[in-house]
Amino acid sequence: MTASAKTFADLYGSAPEVTASAPGRVNLLGEHTDYQGGFVLPTAIPQQATVSLGRNGSAQHVIYSANLDQTITVPVGEVGTDFAPYITGCLNLSGVTEGMNVHIHSDVPSGGLSSSAALEVSTLRALRELLNLDLNDVELALRGVKVEHEFVGVLCGVMDQMASSIANTRTMLLIDTRSLEYRAVAFPEGAEVLVIDSGVPRRLAESGYNERRAQVEEASRLLGVPQLRDVTDLQSLETLPDLLRIRARHVVSENARVQAALLPTTDAVAFGQLMNASHASLRDDYAVSLPRVDTLVALLQADPDVFGARMTGAGFGGAVVALAREGLAVQVAERVLAEYGPEGQRVVP
């Protein structure tokens, strides 16, 4: 929050009617599979987005970001620009017909940790309470996905909003993104999660995210399957054009890695090897990593107290996640960041 940031009462002269928060998430395995019906293994991070709401009796939404110390005014029913669509999309889809005063504060770093999903879920949680909406946690997450598709312009899958709505920091959350079934999964014994922001910024609506989605949708069409979730034999991908083949290979192999992570024999060492393989696939087959991110991942993978590391999130910059020896993640981060440079920043723990 900036030094000049204002509270809800500072801005609007009264207390908010409702306040709600939602966490960011980090994904350990299962990247770029959720829009192909695949399996994912995220967990929540301690950092949260917090949204406060109050009706203002006008035909305008007044939306203030404490992080930016910036206010945007948007007529009711319209979308607005900059960070406004994340909020106005939630308001519009929830049937809000009167002006709202909105105060946003988030300590979820942008880039790979679902800062946008945390913002959407916290807004929808606040609206659920304010308007007494009949939405369970899964339905709320799906509404957040619809905000991304219809108002933000990112054709994301369901993982980020599901994780922000349901996950906790104590376990991983296995989500079947086709059926939307989910269950808690314990972290590998003797390990803890380390998240580092690479310092490389990204904006998904301007990246190759939607292009990648279109490529794997075309691959599934050519293979005659509803989604690449239905493909288990990598050899069957050989009939595809080269570019589509390697894109599809990532999705199919990544689903297999998540399944392997759930085996009773998968300890921290084996889980880390799956994370390393996931990064190589994201870098080489899906082409969503960047050289600076690869450098940070390589430094983590080379540390003796790291079992495995990979980029996390949609890519094109953002954060990386590592599985470190329990109790040593902070020391690992200090060593790696000393070599990586000042733009990196430890996020978790």
Protein backbone atom coordinates (compact mmCIF):
# COMPACT_ATOMS: atom_id res chain seq x y z
CA MET A 1 0.00 0.00 0.00
CA THR A 2 1.31 3.44 -0.84
CA ALA A 3 2.11 5.92 1.92
CA SER A 4 -0.77 8.13 0.78
CA ALA A 5 -3.36 5.30 0.52
CA LYS A 6 -6.73 5.99 2.09
CA THR A 7 -9.13 3.82 4.07
CA PHE A 8 -12.75 3.25 3.06
CA ALA A 9 -13.87 5.76 5.71
CA ASP A 10 -11.31 8.34 4.51
CA LEU A 11 -12.71 8.12 1.00
CA TYR A 12 -16.40 7.68 1.52
CA GLY A 13 -17.08 9.12 4.98
CA SER A 14 -18.56 5.94 6.48
CA ALA A 15 -17.71 2.33 7.27
CA PRO A 16 -18.21 -0.28 4.53
CA GLU A 17 -21.29 -2.48 4.59
CA VAL A 18 -19.21 -5.59 3.95
CA THR A 19 -15.55 -6.60 3.74
CA ALA A 20 -14.23 -9.90 2.39
CA SER A 21 -10.83 -11.40 1.59
CA ALA A 22 -9.49 -14.24 -0.55
CA PRO A 23 -5.99 -15.71 -0.91
CA GLY A 24 -3.68 -15.96 -3.86
CA ARG A 25 -2.47 -19.40 -4.85
CA VAL A 26 0.64 -21.15 -6.05
CA ASN A 27 0.38 -24.21 -8.29
CA LEU A 28 2.85 -27.01 -7.64
CA LEU A 29 1.91 -29.22 -10.61
CA GLY A 30 -0.66 -29.17 -13.38
CA GLU A 31 0.04 -26.03 -15.42
CA HIS A 32 -1.97 -25.13 -18.53
CA THR A 33 -4.13 -28.23 -18.14
CA ASP A 34 -7.24 -26.74 -16.52
CA TYR A 35 -8.74 -25.52 -19.79
CA GLN A 36 -8.31 -29.03 -21.19
CA GLY A 37 -10.15 -30.81 -18.38
CA GLY A 38 -6.96 -31.83 -16.59
CA PHE A 39 -5.76 -32.23 -13.02
CA VAL A 40 -4.07 -29.52 -10.93
CA LEU A 41 -2.36 -29.31 -7.52
CA PRO A 42 -2.44 -25.74 -6.18
CA THR A 43 -2.28 -24.48 -2.62
CA ALA A 44 -3.27 -21.15 -1.10
CA ILE A 45 -0.62 -18.63 -0.06
CA PRO A 46 -0.88 -16.37 3.02
CA GLN A 47 -1.20 -13.18 0.99
CA GLN A 48 -4.76 -12.02 0.33
CA ALA A 49 -6.84 -9.50 -1.55
CA THR A 50 -9.40 -7.58 0.52
CA VAL A 51 -12.42 -5.78 -0.90
CA SER A 52 -14.84 -3.51 1.00
CA LEU A 53 -18.20 -2.47 -0.45
CA GLY A 54 -20.95 0.00 0.35
CA ARG A 55 -23.91 1.26 -1.65
CA ASN A 56 -23.64 4.94 -2.57
CA GLY A 57 -27.13 5.69 -3.93
CA SER A 58 -25.83 6.95 -7.27
CA ALA A 59 -25.56 5.60 -10.80
CA GLN A 60 -21.75 5.38 -10.55
CA HIS A 61 -19.37 2.81 -9.11
CA VAL A 62 -16.41 4.43 -7.40
CA ILE A 63 -13.51 1.96 -7.26
CA TYR A 64 -10.36 2.76 -5.28
CA SER A 65 -7.11 0.77 -5.27
CA ALA A 66 -5.08 1.37 -2.12
CA ASN A 67 -2.06 -0.28 -3.76
CA LEU A 68 -2.07 2.28 -6.57
CA ASP A 69 -3.74 5.11 -4.62
CA GLN A 70 -5.95 5.47 -7.67
CA THR A 71 -9.70 5.89 -8.13
CA ILE A 72 -11.74 4.87 -11.18
CA THR A 73 -15.38 5.89 -11.64
CA VAL A 74 -17.54 3.67 -13.84
CA PRO A 75 -21.26 4.08 -14.68
CA VAL A 76 -23.44 1.24 -13.39
CA GLY A 77 -23.67 -1.48 -16.02
CA GLU A 78 -20.47 -0.51 -17.81
CA VAL A 79 -17.02 -2.10 -17.52
CA GLY A 80 -14.33 0.58 -17.28
CA THR A 81 -10.62 0.20 -17.87
CA ASP A 82 -7.39 -0.68 -16.06
CA PHE A 83 -8.21 -2.68 -12.90
CA ALA A 84 -11.93 -1.83 -13.00
CA PRO A 85 -13.13 -4.84 -15.08
CA TYR A 86 -12.17 -7.28 -12.33
CA ILE A 87 -14.65 -5.46 -10.07
CA THR A 88 -17.31 -4.32 -12.52
CA GLY A 89 -17.45 -7.78 -14.05
CA CYS A 90 -18.35 -9.18 -10.62
CA LEU A 91 -20.90 -6.40 -10.05
CA ASN A 92 -22.53 -6.82 -13.45
CA LEU A 93 -22.75 -10.61 -13.28
CA SER A 94 -24.22 -10.34 -9.78
CA GLY A 95 -27.05 -8.09 -10.97
CA VAL A 96 -25.96 -4.93 -9.19
CA THR A 97 -28.09 -2.01 -10.42
CA GLU A 98 -27.03 0.76 -8.02
CA GLY A 99 -23.72 2.47 -7.50
CA MET A 100 -21.14 0.94 -5.18
CA ASN A 101 -18.25 2.44 -3.30
CA VAL A 102 -15.39 -0.05 -3.53
CA HIS A 103 -12.07 -0.18 -1.66
CA ILE A 104 -9.39 -2.68 -2.76
CA HIS A 105 -6.20 -3.66 -1.04
CA SER A 106 -4.10 -6.66 -1.96
CA ASP A 107 -0.76 -8.02 -0.83
CA VAL A 108 -0.83 -10.83 -3.44
CA PRO A 109 2.07 -10.17 -5.82
CA SER A 110 1.04 -9.97 -9.47
CA GLY A 111 2.37 -12.60 -11.86
CA GLY A 112 1.71 -16.30 -11.37
CA LEU A 113 0.05 -16.19 -7.95
CA SER A 114 -3.53 -15.51 -9.02
CA SER A 115 -3.76 -11.93 -7.84
CA SER A 116 -6.67 -11.37 -10.24
CA ALA A 117 -8.55 -14.47 -9.03
CA ALA A 118 -8.06 -13.35 -5.42
CA LEU A 119 -9.52 -9.97 -6.32
CA GLU A 120 -12.51 -11.55 -8.08
CA VAL A 121 -13.21 -14.08 -5.32
CA SER A 122 -12.95 -11.47 -2.56
CA THR A 123 -15.32 -9.17 -4.48
CA LEU A 124 -17.77 -12.00 -5.06
CA ARG A 125 -17.58 -13.05 -1.41
CA ALA A 126 -18.42 -9.50 -0.39
CA LEU A 127 -21.31 -9.39 -2.86
CA ARG A 128 -22.57 -12.79 -1.67
CA GLU A 129 -22.85 -11.39 1.84
CA LEU A 130 -24.19 -7.96 0.86
CA LEU A 131 -26.84 -9.23 -1.55
CA ASN A 132 -27.49 -12.61 0.14
CA LEU A 133 -26.58 -14.41 -3.09
CA ASP A 134 -27.23 -18.16 -3.27
CA LEU A 135 -23.71 -19.14 -4.39
CA ASN A 136 -21.64 -21.99 -3.01
CA ASP A 137 -17.85 -21.82 -3.19
CA VAL A 138 -17.61 -23.68 -6.52
CA GLU A 139 -20.35 -21.58 -8.11
CA LEU A 140 -18.61 -18.45 -6.86
CA ALA A 141 -15.36 -19.59 -8.46
CA LEU A 142 -17.11 -20.26 -11.78
CA ARG A 143 -18.55 -16.75 -11.71
CA GLY A 144 -15.01 -15.44 -11.30
CA VAL A 145 -13.96 -17.42 -14.39
CA LYS A 146 -16.82 -15.83 -16.30
CA VAL A 147 -15.55 -12.40 -15.27
CA GLU A 148 -12.15 -13.23 -16.79
CA HIS A 149 -13.70 -14.48 -20.03
CA GLU A 150 -16.35 -11.82 -20.58
CA PHE A 151 -14.88 -8.68 -19.01
CA VAL A 152 -11.09 -9.06 -18.70
CA GLY A 153 -10.47 -10.93 -21.95
CA VAL A 154 -8.42 -13.86 -20.60
CA LEU A 155 -9.79 -17.30 -21.51
CA CYS A 156 -8.53 -18.91 -18.32
CA GLY A 157 -9.46 -22.29 -16.90
CA VAL A 158 -11.03 -22.85 -13.51
CA MET A 159 -7.97 -23.54 -11.36
CA ASP A 160 -7.14 -20.07 -10.09
CA GLN A 161 -10.62 -19.13 -8.93
CA MET A 162 -11.26 -22.62 -7.50
CA ALA A 163 -8.02 -22.46 -5.53
CA SER A 164 -8.71 -18.94 -4.24
CA SER A 165 -12.24 -19.94 -3.25
CA ILE A 166 -11.51 -23.34 -1.67
CA ALA A 167 -7.79 -23.99 -0.99
CA ASN A 168 -5.93 -23.47 2.28
CA THR A 169 -2.24 -23.03 3.10
CA ARG A 170 -1.92 -26.34 5.01
CA THR A 171 -2.53 -28.77 2.13
CA MET A 172 -2.50 -28.97 -1.65
CA LEU A 173 -5.87 -29.02 -3.41
CA LEU A 174 -6.29 -31.69 -6.08
CA ILE A 175 -8.88 -30.44 -8.57
CA ASP A 176 -10.35 -32.44 -11.42
CA THR A 177 -11.10 -29.47 -13.64
CA ARG A 178 -13.59 -31.46 -15.74
CA SER A 179 -15.86 -32.73 -12.98
CA LEU A 180 -14.87 -29.95 -10.50
CA GLU A 181 -14.40 -32.62 -7.84
CA TYR A 182 -11.65 -31.74 -5.38
CA ARG A 183 -9.90 -33.03 -2.28
CA ALA A 184 -7.09 -32.05 0.04
CA VAL A 185 -3.69 -33.70 -0.51
CA ALA A 186 -0.84 -33.61 2.01
CA PHE A 187 2.47 -32.02 1.06
CA PRO A 188 5.38 -34.46 0.67
CA GLU A 189 6.83 -35.31 4.05
CA GLY A 190 9.91 -33.35 5.07
CA ALA A 191 9.33 -30.54 2.57
CA GLU A 192 7.93 -27.02 2.46
CA VAL A 193 6.93 -24.65 -0.31
CA LEU A 194 9.08 -21.69 -1.33
CA VAL A 195 7.75 -19.06 -3.73
CA ILE A 196 9.90 -16.34 -5.28
CA ASP A 197 8.71 -13.53 -7.51
CA SER A 198 11.10 -13.33 -10.46
CA GLY A 199 10.53 -9.60 -10.85
CA VAL A 200 9.61 -10.12 -14.53
CA PRO A 201 6.18 -8.50 -14.99
CA ARG A 202 3.45 -9.93 -17.19
CA ARG A 203 -0.05 -9.16 -18.43
CA LEU A 204 -1.97 -12.22 -19.60
CA ALA A 205 -4.38 -10.36 -21.87
CA GLU A 206 -1.37 -9.13 -23.82
CA SER A 207 0.62 -12.38 -23.76
CA GLY A 208 0.37 -15.62 -25.70
CA TYR A 209 -2.03 -17.20 -23.19
CA ASN A 210 -5.13 -17.15 -25.40
CA GLU A 211 -3.00 -18.29 -28.35
CA ARG A 212 -1.81 -21.35 -26.41
CA ARG A 213 -5.37 -22.21 -25.50
CA ALA A 214 -6.45 -22.00 -29.13
CA GLN A 215 -3.54 -24.24 -30.17
CA VAL A 216 -4.43 -27.07 -27.80
CA GLU A 217 -8.12 -26.76 -28.64
CA GLU A 218 -7.18 -27.26 -32.29
CA ALA A 219 -5.00 -30.22 -31.33
CA SER A 220 -7.87 -31.90 -29.50
CA ARG A 221 -10.16 -31.26 -32.48
CA LEU A 222 -7.70 -32.87 -34.88
CA LEU A 223 -7.32 -35.85 -32.56
CA GLY A 224 -11.09 -36.26 -32.36
CA VAL A 225 -11.29 -36.00 -28.56
CA PRO A 226 -13.31 -33.56 -26.43
CA GLN A 227 -10.18 -32.44 -24.57
CA LEU A 228 -6.54 -33.48 -24.24
CA ARG A 229 -7.51 -34.88 -20.84
CA ASP A 230 -8.79 -37.84 -22.88
CA VAL A 231 -5.34 -38.59 -24.37
CA THR A 232 -2.98 -40.78 -22.37
CA ASP A 233 -0.70 -42.13 -25.12
CA LEU A 234 1.94 -39.64 -26.23
CA GLN A 235 2.49 -41.68 -29.39
CA SER A 236 -0.99 -40.71 -30.60
CA LEU A 237 0.17 -37.08 -30.83
CA GLU A 238 2.58 -37.91 -33.66
CA THR A 239 -0.18 -37.35 -36.24
CA LEU A 240 -0.39 -33.65 -35.33
CA PRO A 241 1.49 -30.79 -37.05
CA ASP A 242 4.78 -30.11 -35.26
CA LEU A 243 3.73 -27.01 -33.30
CA LEU A 244 0.44 -28.49 -32.14
CA ARG A 245 2.19 -31.76 -31.29
CA ILE A 246 4.58 -30.18 -28.82
CA ARG A 247 1.87 -27.99 -27.31
CA ALA A 248 -0.34 -31.05 -26.80
CA ARG A 249 2.61 -33.07 -25.50
CA HIS A 250 2.97 -30.65 -22.63
CA VAL A 251 -0.69 -30.96 -21.60
CA VAL A 252 -0.76 -34.76 -21.83
CA SER A 253 2.56 -35.22 -20.02
CA GLU A 254 1.63 -32.66 -17.35
CA ASN A 255 -1.57 -34.55 -16.55
CA ALA A 256 0.54 -37.68 -16.18
CA ARG A 257 2.88 -35.84 -13.80
CA VAL A 258 0.00 -34.85 -11.53
CA GLN A 259 -1.21 -38.45 -11.46
CA ALA A 260 2.32 -39.63 -10.63
CA ALA A 261 2.52 -37.10 -7.78
CA LEU A 262 -0.46 -38.81 -6.12
CA LEU A 263 1.16 -42.26 -5.97
CA PRO A 264 1.90 -43.57 -2.46
CA THR A 265 5.54 -44.02 -3.46
CA THR A 266 6.00 -40.36 -4.45
CA ASP A 267 8.17 -38.76 -1.75
CA ALA A 268 9.69 -35.27 -1.74
CA VAL A 269 12.55 -36.31 -4.03
CA ALA A 270 10.21 -37.84 -6.61
CA PHE A 271 7.79 -34.93 -6.36
CA GLY A 272 10.67 -32.52 -6.96
CA GLN A 273 11.75 -34.44 -10.05
CA LEU A 274 8.19 -34.09 -11.40
CA MET A 275 8.38 -30.33 -10.81
CA ASN A 276 11.69 -30.14 -12.69
CA ALA A 277 10.21 -32.08 -15.60
CA SER A 278 7.18 -29.80 -15.57
CA HIS A 279 9.36 -26.72 -15.94
CA ALA A 280 11.28 -28.24 -18.83
CA SER A 281 8.01 -29.02 -20.57
CA LEU A 282 6.62 -25.52 -19.98
CA ARG A 283 9.87 -24.01 -21.25
CA ASP A 284 10.45 -26.23 -24.29
CA ASP A 285 7.09 -27.60 -25.42
CA TYR A 286 4.64 -24.92 -24.27
CA ALA A 287 7.10 -22.01 -24.61
CA VAL A 288 5.63 -19.93 -21.79
CA SER A 289 8.77 -19.33 -19.75
CA LEU A 290 11.33 -16.56 -20.22
CA PRO A 291 15.15 -16.66 -19.92
CA ARG A 292 15.25 -14.68 -16.68
CA VAL A 293 12.66 -16.99 -15.11
CA ASP A 294 14.66 -20.00 -16.32
CA THR A 295 17.73 -18.59 -14.59
CA LEU A 296 15.91 -18.35 -11.27
CA VAL A 297 14.51 -21.87 -11.63
CA ALA A 298 17.98 -23.25 -12.47
CA LEU A 299 19.47 -21.60 -9.38
CA LEU A 300 16.80 -23.18 -7.21
CA GLN A 301 17.18 -26.59 -8.82
CA ALA A 302 20.92 -26.47 -8.16
CA ASP A 303 20.54 -25.71 -4.44
CA PRO A 304 21.27 -28.77 -2.26
CA ASP A 305 18.21 -28.11 -0.09
CA VAL A 306 15.74 -27.97 -2.99
CA PHE A 307 13.95 -31.08 -4.23
CA GLY A 308 12.58 -29.40 -7.36
CA ALA A 309 11.50 -26.07 -8.85
CA ARG A 310 9.46 -24.70 -11.72
CA MET A 311 7.74 -21.62 -13.02
CA THR A 312 4.20 -21.33 -11.71
CA GLY A 313 1.09 -19.76 -13.18
CA ALA A 314 0.45 -19.01 -16.81
CA GLY A 315 4.02 -17.91 -17.46
CA PHE A 316 5.50 -15.09 -19.54
CA GLY A 317 7.13 -13.82 -16.34
CA GLY A 318 5.93 -13.90 -12.76
CA ALA A 319 6.70 -16.29 -9.93
CA VAL A 320 8.50 -19.59 -9.48
CA VAL A 321 7.81 -22.30 -6.89
CA ALA A 322 10.25 -24.68 -5.24
CA LEU A 323 9.89 -27.63 -2.91
CA ALA A 324 12.55 -27.10 -0.26
CA ARG A 325 13.76 -29.16 2.66
CA GLU A 326 11.49 -28.48 5.62
CA GLY A 327 12.69 -25.59 7.78
CA LEU A 328 15.27 -24.42 5.24
CA ALA A 329 13.22 -22.50 2.66
CA VAL A 330 14.20 -19.07 3.99
CA GLN A 331 17.90 -19.95 3.86
CA VAL A 332 17.49 -21.30 0.34
CA ALA A 333 15.81 -18.07 -0.73
CA GLU A 334 18.61 -15.97 0.74
CA ARG A 335 21.29 -17.95 -1.10
CA VAL A 336 19.47 -18.00 -4.42
CA LEU A 337 18.43 -14.34 -4.36
CA ALA A 338 21.98 -13.28 -3.54
CA GLU A 339 23.03 -14.80 -6.86
CA TYR A 340 19.89 -14.00 -8.88
CA GLY A 341 19.78 -10.27 -8.18
CA PRO A 342 17.72 -7.62 -6.42
CA GLU A 343 14.65 -7.86 -8.68
CA GLY A 344 13.69 -11.19 -7.15
CA GLN A 345 11.65 -11.28 -3.94
CA ARG A 346 10.68 -14.11 -1.60
CA VAL A 347 6.91 -14.45 -1.27
CA VAL A 348 6.43 -17.72 0.70
CA PRO A 349 7.33 -18.59 3.38
